[in-house]
Amino acid sequence: MHLRAAGEFVKVATRFQSEVLVIKDGKKANGKSILGLASLAIERGAVITIQIDGEDETNAREAIEELIDAKFYED
């Protein structure tokens, strides 16, 4: 995931109170931290897990799914 896409992810994740974790190859990063996401070195086609926990987790999940479906607004 390059920095622009990571920035878009962080923008969406920080709108919510829920904790957002992104997991790749057993390594976890805060989904509200651009540096954390960059540290995972997520390449195109990589399999990741997004874990969301909190009172607004349903809304957060829907917003993140929308971002991913929109290909991070890059097309």
Protein backbone atom coordinates (compact mmCIF):
# COMPACT_ATOMS: atom_id res chain seq x y z
CA MET A 1 0.00 0.00 0.00
CA HIS A 2 1.65 3.23 -1.06
CA LEU A 3 1.43 6.34 1.06
CA ARG A 4 -1.51 7.94 -0.76
CA ALA A 5 -3.68 4.85 -0.27
CA ALA A 6 -2.50 4.54 3.34
CA GLY A 7 -3.43 8.19 3.87
CA GLU A 8 -6.93 7.57 2.52
CA PHE A 9 -7.28 4.55 4.80
CA VAL A 10 -6.18 6.58 7.83
CA LYS A 11 -8.60 9.40 6.93
CA VAL A 12 -11.50 6.96 6.97
CA ALA A 13 -10.38 5.02 10.05
CA THR A 14 -9.86 8.13 12.18
CA ARG A 15 -13.48 9.18 11.67
CA PHE A 16 -14.46 6.42 14.08
CA GLN A 17 -13.82 5.72 17.75
CA SER A 18 -13.35 2.00 17.18
CA GLU A 19 -9.89 0.49 17.20
CA VAL A 20 -8.79 -0.47 13.68
CA LEU A 21 -5.96 -2.97 13.26
CA VAL A 22 -4.47 -4.11 9.96
CA ILE A 23 -2.71 -7.47 10.01
CA LYS A 24 -0.32 -8.85 7.39
CA ASP A 25 1.82 -11.95 7.85
CA GLY A 26 1.17 -11.91 11.60
CA LYS A 27 2.34 -8.30 12.01
CA LYS A 28 -0.22 -5.80 13.32
CA ALA A 29 -0.43 -2.07 12.72
CA ASN A 30 -2.76 0.65 13.90
CA GLY A 31 -5.07 1.46 10.99
CA LYS A 32 -5.12 5.08 12.16
CA SER A 33 -1.35 5.47 11.68
CA ILE A 34 0.12 6.09 8.25
CA LEU A 35 3.55 5.05 9.51
CA GLY A 36 2.08 1.88 11.00
CA LEU A 37 0.48 0.95 7.71
CA ALA A 38 3.66 1.76 5.80
CA SER A 39 5.62 -0.53 8.13
CA LEU A 40 3.55 -3.50 6.93
CA ALA A 41 4.80 -3.06 3.34
CA ILE A 42 1.46 -4.14 1.88
CA GLU A 43 1.91 -4.81 -1.82
CA ARG A 44 -0.86 -5.00 -4.42
CA GLY A 45 -2.61 -8.36 -4.18
CA ALA A 46 -1.46 -9.04 -0.61
CA VAL A 47 -3.88 -10.70 1.76
CA ILE A 48 -4.55 -8.64 4.87
CA THR A 49 -6.97 -8.83 7.76
CA ILE A 50 -8.69 -5.76 9.12
CA GLN A 51 -9.88 -6.05 12.71
CA ILE A 52 -12.31 -3.43 14.01
CA ASP A 53 -13.48 -3.29 17.59
CA GLY A 54 -15.61 -0.66 19.28
CA GLU A 55 -19.02 0.91 19.61
CA ASP A 56 -19.13 2.18 16.02
CA GLU A 57 -17.42 -0.84 14.43
CA THR A 58 -20.25 -1.55 11.99
CA ASN A 59 -20.10 1.97 10.55
CA ALA A 60 -16.30 1.83 10.45
CA ARG A 61 -16.35 -1.51 8.64
CA GLU A 62 -18.82 -0.22 6.06
CA ALA A 63 -16.76 2.93 5.42
CA ILE A 64 -13.53 0.95 5.04
CA GLU A 65 -15.22 -1.55 2.72
CA GLU A 66 -16.48 1.36 0.62
CA LEU A 67 -12.95 2.77 0.40
CA ILE A 68 -11.53 -0.59 -0.67
CA ASP A 69 -14.34 -1.17 -3.18
CA ALA A 70 -13.58 2.29 -4.63
CA LYS A 71 -9.93 1.23 -4.96
CA PHE A 72 -8.90 4.03 -2.61
CA TYR A 73 -10.33 6.56 -5.10
CA GLU A 74 -7.39 6.05 -7.43
CA ASP A 75 -9.11 4.93 -10.63
